[in-house]
């Protein structure tokens, strides 16, 4: 019971955590739908497991749909399979299970089972095993083709978890078939072992799927941290030159999600700061100190330019230049982050560098 509840909770946490990925592409939507139906299946089954009642048919139907969604996902990744054939077979299985939805009683599921009940359980477990073994094979192929490292290990771990679930269903179908053929079997004695295998498979599937996300978590957190660090300098540029802001922070947070989205937000923030500094450059006196590599000096120069702009007149002579930065975007992020820290530390945005009247209007 505790293990089943833990699996259900982990599934729902994963479903919620992957909500932002729905905007990305069809692959992410299929994977999210798979996790959703897994969570629904676990949730439908949980009260029955706790109360010693039969698992409802809804849980079985959700399990079949989840397995088919996973197969659609891996076929889309590998570029193999015929989706319409797969979904036609799955639709037929769902129709059969719905029509013959007569699960046996929990006390002794097969002591007095009818032919329809035996067919229900055999078809359910057999088709589930078929789908999961196909998924396990596809995950193994994808994992072996993936670059070495945590991503490959995560995919192979997912494949092992799917394989365990497939073996659980296969053994269950074989036991039911053997029992129906007259082999003296105590099916209830096998159930605890089979449930353990199924639970272990579900946990491996979840943990393996979480590995790529955990690997990407570091860069995502670093990008969010850079967004926060750059905000004081970006706010000064936005207030002075609203036209440089291409998208409001609230809109960007809603539309630009995931790993690529947060990186794009960071790059946009850097570009907007640079556009603001470019518009501010005519107000930078040529005589400003130019100690290259000192972010505090650069912050002071920004302050001087902002104060000069307050007068409404550019300085006499040739404008000064901002400190040069390395060629890559990472160099820009690092340098502007240091300047923004110095800008905030000195309190320039609140006192000395009173932001002048805005120029233009935001887009």
Protein backbone atom coordinates (compact mmCIF):
# COMPACT_ATOMS: atom_id res chain seq x y z
CA UNK A 1 0.00 0.00 0.00
CA UNK A 2 2.77 2.46 0.95
CA UNK A 3 4.72 1.69 -2.22
CA UNK A 4 1.62 2.12 -4.38
CA UNK A 5 0.84 5.44 -2.72
CA UNK A 6 4.43 6.61 -3.21
CA UNK A 7 4.30 5.72 -6.91
CA UNK A 8 1.01 7.59 -7.32
CA UNK A 9 2.41 10.70 -5.60
CA UNK A 10 5.59 10.62 -7.70
CA UNK A 11 3.54 10.29 -10.86
CA UNK A 12 1.38 13.31 -10.06
CA UNK A 13 4.43 15.37 -9.08
CA UNK A 14 6.03 14.50 -12.42
CA UNK A 15 2.83 15.37 -14.30
CA UNK A 16 2.69 18.81 -12.68
CA UNK A 17 6.43 19.42 -13.13
CA UNK A 18 6.21 18.68 -16.85
CA UNK A 19 3.29 21.02 -17.54
CA UNK A 20 5.54 23.76 -19.02
CA UNK A 21 6.83 21.26 -21.60
CA UNK A 22 3.40 21.01 -23.25
CA UNK A 23 4.25 24.05 -25.37
CA UNK A 24 7.40 22.51 -26.81
CA UNK A 25 6.49 19.76 -29.27
CA UNK A 26 4.43 16.63 -29.89
CA UNK A 27 6.99 14.38 -28.21
CA UNK A 28 6.71 16.23 -24.92
CA UNK A 29 2.92 16.22 -25.13
CA UNK A 30 2.85 12.46 -25.71
CA UNK A 31 5.20 11.83 -22.81
CA UNK A 32 3.14 14.09 -20.56
CA UNK A 33 -0.07 12.31 -21.59
CA UNK A 34 1.58 8.97 -20.82
CA UNK A 35 2.49 10.14 -17.33
CA UNK A 36 -1.01 11.56 -16.82
CA UNK A 37 -2.69 8.26 -17.64
CA UNK A 38 -0.17 6.41 -15.47
CA UNK A 39 -1.08 8.73 -12.60
CA UNK A 40 -4.80 8.21 -13.26
CA UNK A 41 -4.35 4.43 -13.31
CA UNK A 42 -2.44 4.51 -10.02
CA UNK A 43 -5.02 6.83 -8.46
CA UNK A 44 -7.98 4.69 -9.55
CA UNK A 45 -6.28 1.58 -8.17
CA UNK A 46 -5.13 3.05 -4.86
CA UNK A 47 -8.48 3.07 -2.95
CA UNK A 48 -9.19 -0.48 -4.10
CA UNK A 49 -5.76 -1.67 -2.96
CA UNK A 50 -6.21 0.03 0.41
CA UNK A 51 -9.67 -1.47 0.92
CA UNK A 52 -8.92 -4.94 -0.41
CA UNK A 53 -11.35 -4.47 -3.29
CA UNK A 54 -10.92 -5.31 -6.97
CA UNK A 55 -9.00 -2.76 -8.98
CA UNK A 56 -11.61 -0.92 -11.09
CA UNK A 57 -11.77 -1.37 -14.82
CA UNK A 58 -10.97 2.34 -15.26
CA UNK A 59 -7.47 1.68 -13.89
CA UNK A 60 -6.93 -1.09 -16.44
CA UNK A 61 -8.14 1.09 -19.31
CA UNK A 62 -5.86 3.95 -18.23
CA UNK A 63 -2.92 1.54 -18.03
CA UNK A 64 -3.50 0.37 -21.61
CA UNK A 65 -3.82 3.95 -22.88
CA UNK A 66 -0.65 4.95 -21.00
CA UNK A 67 1.29 2.07 -22.56
CA UNK A 68 0.03 3.00 -26.04
CA UNK A 69 0.96 6.67 -25.53
CA UNK A 70 4.45 5.61 -24.50
CA UNK A 71 4.71 3.44 -27.61
CA UNK A 72 3.61 6.40 -29.75
CA UNK A 73 6.28 8.51 -28.08
CA UNK A 74 9.14 6.09 -28.70
CA UNK A 75 7.96 5.42 -32.27
CA UNK A 76 7.96 9.17 -32.91
CA UNK A 77 11.50 9.40 -31.54
CA UNK A 78 12.77 6.47 -33.60
CA UNK A 79 10.69 7.25 -36.70
CA UNK A 80 9.29 3.71 -36.85
CA UNK A 81 5.91 2.07 -36.50
CA UNK A 82 2.47 2.75 -37.92
CA UNK A 83 0.47 4.85 -35.46
CA UNK A 84 -2.93 4.11 -37.02
CA UNK A 85 -2.36 0.36 -36.75
CA UNK A 86 -1.23 0.64 -33.14
CA UNK A 87 -4.15 2.81 -32.12
CA UNK A 88 -6.62 0.57 -33.98
CA UNK A 89 -5.42 -2.46 -32.04
CA UNK A 90 -5.47 -0.54 -28.79
CA UNK A 91 -8.97 0.73 -29.54
CA UNK A 92 -10.14 -2.83 -30.13
CA UNK A 93 -8.58 -3.95 -26.85
CA UNK A 94 -10.20 -1.07 -24.96
CA UNK A 95 -13.58 -1.92 -26.48
CA UNK A 96 -13.22 -5.59 -25.50
CA UNK A 97 -12.17 -4.75 -21.95
CA UNK A 98 -15.04 -2.29 -21.58
CA UNK A 99 -17.66 -4.75 -22.86
CA UNK A 100 -16.34 -7.66 -20.76
CA UNK A 101 -15.54 -5.56 -17.70
CA UNK A 102 -16.16 -8.22 -15.06
CA UNK A 103 -13.05 -8.43 -12.80
CA UNK A 104 -13.07 -11.32 -10.36
CA UNK A 105 -13.54 -10.93 -6.62
CA UNK A 106 -10.49 -10.11 -4.47
CA UNK A 107 -10.85 -13.03 -2.05
CA UNK A 108 -9.84 -15.66 -4.59
CA UNK A 109 -9.83 -14.15 -8.07
CA UNK A 110 -9.93 -17.36 -10.08
CA UNK A 111 -11.59 -19.98 -7.90
CA UNK A 112 -14.91 -19.63 -9.72
CA UNK A 113 -13.90 -17.49 -12.69
CA UNK A 114 -16.01 -17.71 -15.80
CA UNK A 115 -14.62 -17.94 -19.32
CA UNK A 116 -15.35 -14.23 -19.82
CA UNK A 117 -13.43 -13.31 -16.67
CA UNK A 118 -10.45 -15.43 -17.66
CA UNK A 119 -10.49 -13.88 -21.14
CA UNK A 120 -10.64 -10.40 -19.62
CA UNK A 121 -7.58 -10.93 -17.41
CA UNK A 122 -5.61 -12.82 -20.07
CA UNK A 123 -6.25 -10.21 -22.77
CA UNK A 124 -5.54 -7.30 -20.44
CA UNK A 125 -2.21 -8.64 -19.17
CA UNK A 126 -1.21 -10.10 -22.54
CA UNK A 127 -1.76 -6.90 -24.48
CA UNK A 128 -0.15 -4.81 -21.73
CA UNK A 129 2.89 -7.11 -21.88
CA UNK A 130 2.99 -6.78 -25.67
CA UNK A 131 3.01 -2.96 -25.51
CA UNK A 132 5.50 -2.73 -22.67
CA UNK A 133 7.98 -5.15 -24.21
CA UNK A 134 7.87 -3.15 -27.45
CA UNK A 135 8.48 0.00 -25.42
CA UNK A 136 11.38 -1.61 -23.55
CA UNK A 137 13.02 -2.66 -26.81
CA UNK A 138 12.62 0.83 -28.29
CA UNK A 139 14.00 2.51 -25.16
CA UNK A 140 17.03 0.23 -25.25
CA UNK A 141 17.68 1.18 -28.89
CA UNK A 142 17.31 4.90 -28.09
CA UNK A 143 19.51 4.60 -25.01
CA UNK A 144 22.34 2.86 -26.84
CA UNK A 145 22.27 5.53 -29.55
CA UNK A 146 22.28 8.39 -27.04
CA UNK A 147 25.55 10.12 -26.07
CA UNK A 148 27.32 8.49 -23.15
CA UNK A 149 26.63 9.99 -19.77
CA UNK A 150 23.66 10.61 -17.53
CA UNK A 151 21.16 10.91 -20.37
CA UNK A 152 22.02 7.44 -21.70
CA UNK A 153 21.88 5.97 -18.21
CA UNK A 154 18.51 7.59 -17.61
CA UNK A 155 17.01 6.24 -20.83
CA UNK A 156 18.38 2.74 -20.19
CA UNK A 157 17.02 2.88 -16.63
CA UNK A 158 13.62 3.79 -18.06
CA UNK A 159 13.90 0.85 -20.43
CA UNK A 160 14.71 -1.52 -17.57
CA UNK A 161 11.71 -0.26 -15.61
CA UNK A 162 9.43 -0.72 -18.61
CA UNK A 163 10.88 -4.22 -19.11
CA UNK A 164 10.03 -5.17 -15.52
CA UNK A 165 6.44 -3.98 -15.96
CA UNK A 166 6.23 -5.91 -19.22
CA UNK A 167 7.58 -9.06 -17.56
CA UNK A 168 5.07 -8.64 -14.74
CA UNK A 169 2.21 -8.54 -17.22
CA UNK A 170 3.65 -11.40 -19.31
CA UNK A 171 4.10 -13.72 -16.32
CA UNK A 172 0.62 -12.83 -15.10
CA UNK A 173 -0.88 -13.67 -18.51
CA UNK A 174 1.04 -16.97 -18.66
CA UNK A 175 -0.05 -17.94 -15.15
CA UNK A 176 -3.68 -17.21 -15.99
CA UNK A 177 -3.42 -19.25 -19.19
CA UNK A 178 -1.78 -22.15 -17.35
CA UNK A 179 -4.41 -22.06 -14.62
CA UNK A 180 -7.20 -22.06 -17.21
CA UNK A 181 -5.54 -25.05 -18.92
CA UNK A 182 -5.81 -27.05 -15.70
CA UNK A 183 -2.37 -26.60 -14.17
CA UNK A 184 -2.75 -26.55 -10.36
CA UNK A 185 -1.52 -23.08 -9.43
CA UNK A 186 -2.13 -20.87 -6.43
CA UNK A 187 -2.29 -17.54 -8.22
CA UNK A 188 -2.71 -15.56 -5.01
CA UNK A 189 0.68 -16.81 -3.79
CA UNK A 190 2.34 -15.27 -6.83
CA UNK A 191 0.65 -11.90 -6.47
CA UNK A 192 2.96 -10.28 -3.83
CA UNK A 193 6.04 -11.12 -5.89
CA UNK A 194 4.50 -9.85 -9.09
CA UNK A 195 3.33 -6.62 -7.44
CA UNK A 196 6.88 -6.06 -6.14
CA UNK A 197 8.26 -6.44 -9.67
CA UNK A 198 5.62 -4.05 -11.03
CA UNK A 199 6.33 -1.43 -8.36
CA UNK A 200 10.08 -1.69 -8.92
CA UNK A 201 9.53 -1.22 -12.64
CA UNK A 202 7.39 1.87 -12.08
CA UNK A 203 10.01 3.41 -9.80
CA UNK A 204 12.82 2.70 -12.27
CA UNK A 205 10.74 4.25 -15.05
CA UNK A 206 10.14 7.42 -13.01
CA UNK A 207 13.72 7.75 -11.77
CA UNK A 208 15.16 7.08 -15.22
CA UNK A 209 12.89 9.70 -16.74
CA UNK A 210 13.95 12.20 -14.08
CA UNK A 211 17.68 11.84 -14.83
CA UNK A 212 17.71 14.05 -17.98
CA UNK A 213 15.61 16.65 -16.17
CA UNK A 214 17.98 16.65 -13.18
CA UNK A 215 20.98 16.98 -15.50
CA UNK A 216 19.37 20.03 -17.13
CA UNK A 217 18.31 21.50 -13.79
CA UNK A 218 21.76 23.01 -13.14
CA UNK A 219 21.89 25.12 -16.34
CA UNK A 220 18.26 26.18 -15.86
CA UNK A 221 18.88 27.35 -12.30
CA UNK A 222 22.04 29.15 -13.42
CA UNK A 223 20.06 30.95 -16.14
CA UNK A 224 17.35 32.00 -13.67
CA UNK A 225 20.04 33.23 -11.28
CA UNK A 226 21.60 35.31 -14.05
CA UNK A 227 18.19 36.81 -14.87
CA UNK A 228 17.84 37.93 -11.25
CA UNK A 229 21.39 39.29 -11.08
CA UNK A 230 20.96 41.27 -14.31
CA UNK A 231 17.66 42.79 -13.26
CA UNK A 232 19.01 46.02 -11.58
CA UNK A 233 20.99 47.01 -14.67
CA UNK A 234 18.21 45.89 -17.00
CA UNK A 235 15.62 47.88 -15.02
CA UNK A 236 17.69 51.05 -15.40
CA UNK A 237 17.92 50.53 -19.16
CA UNK A 238 14.23 49.69 -19.43
CA UNK A 239 13.16 52.81 -17.53
CA UNK A 240 15.46 55.08 -19.52
CA UNK A 241 14.81 53.44 -22.90
CA UNK A 242 11.52 51.46 -22.81
CA UNK A 243 11.69 50.83 -26.54
CA UNK A 244 14.59 48.36 -26.11
CA UNK A 245 12.36 45.87 -24.23
CA UNK A 246 10.96 43.37 -26.73
CA UNK A 247 8.72 41.45 -24.34
CA UNK A 248 7.47 42.14 -20.82
CA UNK A 249 8.89 39.87 -18.07
CA UNK A 250 5.44 38.49 -17.23
CA UNK A 251 4.71 37.57 -20.84
CA UNK A 252 8.17 36.06 -21.30
CA UNK A 253 7.76 33.93 -18.16
CA UNK A 254 4.51 32.50 -19.54
CA UNK A 255 5.60 31.96 -23.15
CA UNK A 256 9.29 31.11 -22.82
CA UNK A 257 9.47 28.03 -20.61
CA UNK A 258 11.71 25.01 -20.38
CA UNK A 259 15.46 24.89 -20.89
CA UNK A 260 15.45 26.65 -24.25
CA UNK A 261 12.92 29.22 -23.09
CA UNK A 262 14.85 30.39 -20.05
CA UNK A 263 18.07 30.61 -22.08
CA UNK A 264 16.26 32.71 -24.68
CA UNK A 265 14.96 34.99 -21.92
CA UNK A 266 18.51 35.42 -20.64
CA UNK A 267 19.86 36.22 -24.11
CA UNK A 268 17.07 38.72 -24.67
CA UNK A 269 17.86 40.42 -21.39
CA UNK A 270 21.52 40.75 -22.38
CA UNK A 271 20.56 42.13 -25.81
CA UNK A 272 18.16 44.62 -24.24
CA UNK A 273 20.84 45.82 -21.83
CA UNK A 274 23.30 46.19 -24.70
CA UNK A 275 20.71 48.09 -26.75
CA UNK A 276 20.17 50.40 -23.79
CA UNK A 277 23.91 50.96 -23.38
CA UNK A 278 24.18 51.66 -27.10
CA UNK A 279 21.46 54.31 -26.80
CA UNK A 280 23.20 55.70 -23.70
CA UNK A 281 26.67 55.87 -25.26
CA UNK A 282 26.25 59.38 -26.77
CA UNK A 283 25.97 60.67 -23.19
CA UNK A 284 29.19 58.98 -22.02
CA UNK A 285 31.90 61.66 -21.80
CA UNK A 286 35.17 60.77 -23.45
CA UNK A 287 37.07 61.62 -20.28
CA UNK A 288 35.41 58.87 -18.20
CA UNK A 289 37.86 56.42 -16.61
CA UNK A 290 38.33 53.27 -18.66
CA UNK A 291 39.80 50.66 -16.33
CA UNK A 292 39.06 47.59 -18.38
CA UNK A 293 38.00 44.58 -16.35
CA UNK A 294 36.71 46.53 -13.35
CA UNK A 295 32.91 46.16 -13.11
CA UNK A 296 32.70 48.86 -10.42
CA UNK A 297 34.26 51.39 -12.81
CA UNK A 298 31.88 50.34 -15.58
CA UNK A 299 28.92 50.78 -13.22
CA UNK A 300 30.22 54.26 -12.34
CA UNK A 301 30.49 55.14 -16.03
CA UNK A 302 26.88 54.04 -16.56
CA UNK A 303 25.91 56.31 -13.66
CA UNK A 304 27.74 59.26 -15.22
CA UNK A 305 26.07 58.68 -18.59
CA UNK A 306 22.63 58.48 -17.00
CA UNK A 307 23.23 61.68 -15.09
CA UNK A 308 24.51 63.39 -18.22
CA UNK A 309 21.36 62.30 -20.04
CA UNK A 310 19.31 64.01 -17.36
CA UNK A 311 20.56 67.31 -18.72
CA UNK A 312 19.05 66.46 -22.09
CA UNK A 313 22.24 67.37 -23.94
CA UNK A 314 25.02 65.03 -25.06
CA UNK A 315 28.54 65.90 -23.86
CA UNK A 316 30.91 67.88 -26.02
CA UNK A 317 33.40 66.00 -28.14
CA UNK A 318 33.55 62.35 -29.11
CA UNK A 319 31.56 60.03 -26.80
CA UNK A 320 33.42 57.45 -24.76
CA UNK A 321 33.24 53.70 -25.24
CA UNK A 322 32.01 50.90 -23.01
CA UNK A 323 34.48 48.28 -21.87
CA UNK A 324 35.02 45.54 -24.49
CA UNK A 325 33.76 42.03 -23.70
CA UNK A 326 34.62 38.57 -25.01
CA UNK A 327 33.02 37.26 -28.22
CA UNK A 328 30.61 34.71 -26.71
CA UNK A 329 27.22 35.24 -25.11
CA UNK A 330 28.47 33.57 -21.93
CA UNK A 331 31.17 36.26 -21.71
CA UNK A 332 28.47 38.92 -22.04
CA UNK A 333 26.36 37.32 -19.31
CA UNK A 334 29.33 37.03 -16.95
CA UNK A 335 30.52 40.62 -17.48
CA UNK A 336 27.12 42.27 -17.32
CA UNK A 337 26.28 40.24 -14.20
CA UNK A 338 29.38 41.62 -12.47
CA UNK A 339 28.51 45.16 -13.57
CA UNK A 340 24.92 44.73 -12.38
CA UNK A 341 26.11 43.53 -8.97
CA UNK A 342 28.35 46.57 -8.65
CA UNK A 343 25.50 48.80 -9.81
CA UNK A 344 23.17 47.42 -7.16
CA UNK A 345 25.82 47.34 -4.42
CA UNK A 346 26.55 51.03 -4.78
CA UNK A 347 22.86 51.85 -4.78
CA UNK A 348 23.27 53.75 -8.01
CA UNK A 349 19.79 53.00 -9.26
CA UNK A 350 18.31 54.59 -6.13
CA UNK A 351 20.47 57.65 -5.56
CA UNK A 352 23.32 58.93 -7.74
CA UNK A 353 22.03 57.53 -11.00
CA UNK A 354 18.51 58.89 -10.89
CA UNK A 355 16.95 57.54 -14.04
CA UNK A 356 15.98 60.30 -16.45
CA UNK A 357 12.71 60.68 -18.25
CA UNK A 358 11.92 57.77 -20.57
CA UNK A 359 12.62 57.86 -24.27
CA UNK A 360 10.01 56.40 -26.61
CA UNK A 361 7.46 53.82 -25.54
CA UNK A 362 7.61 50.08 -24.90
CA UNK A 363 6.80 47.79 -27.79
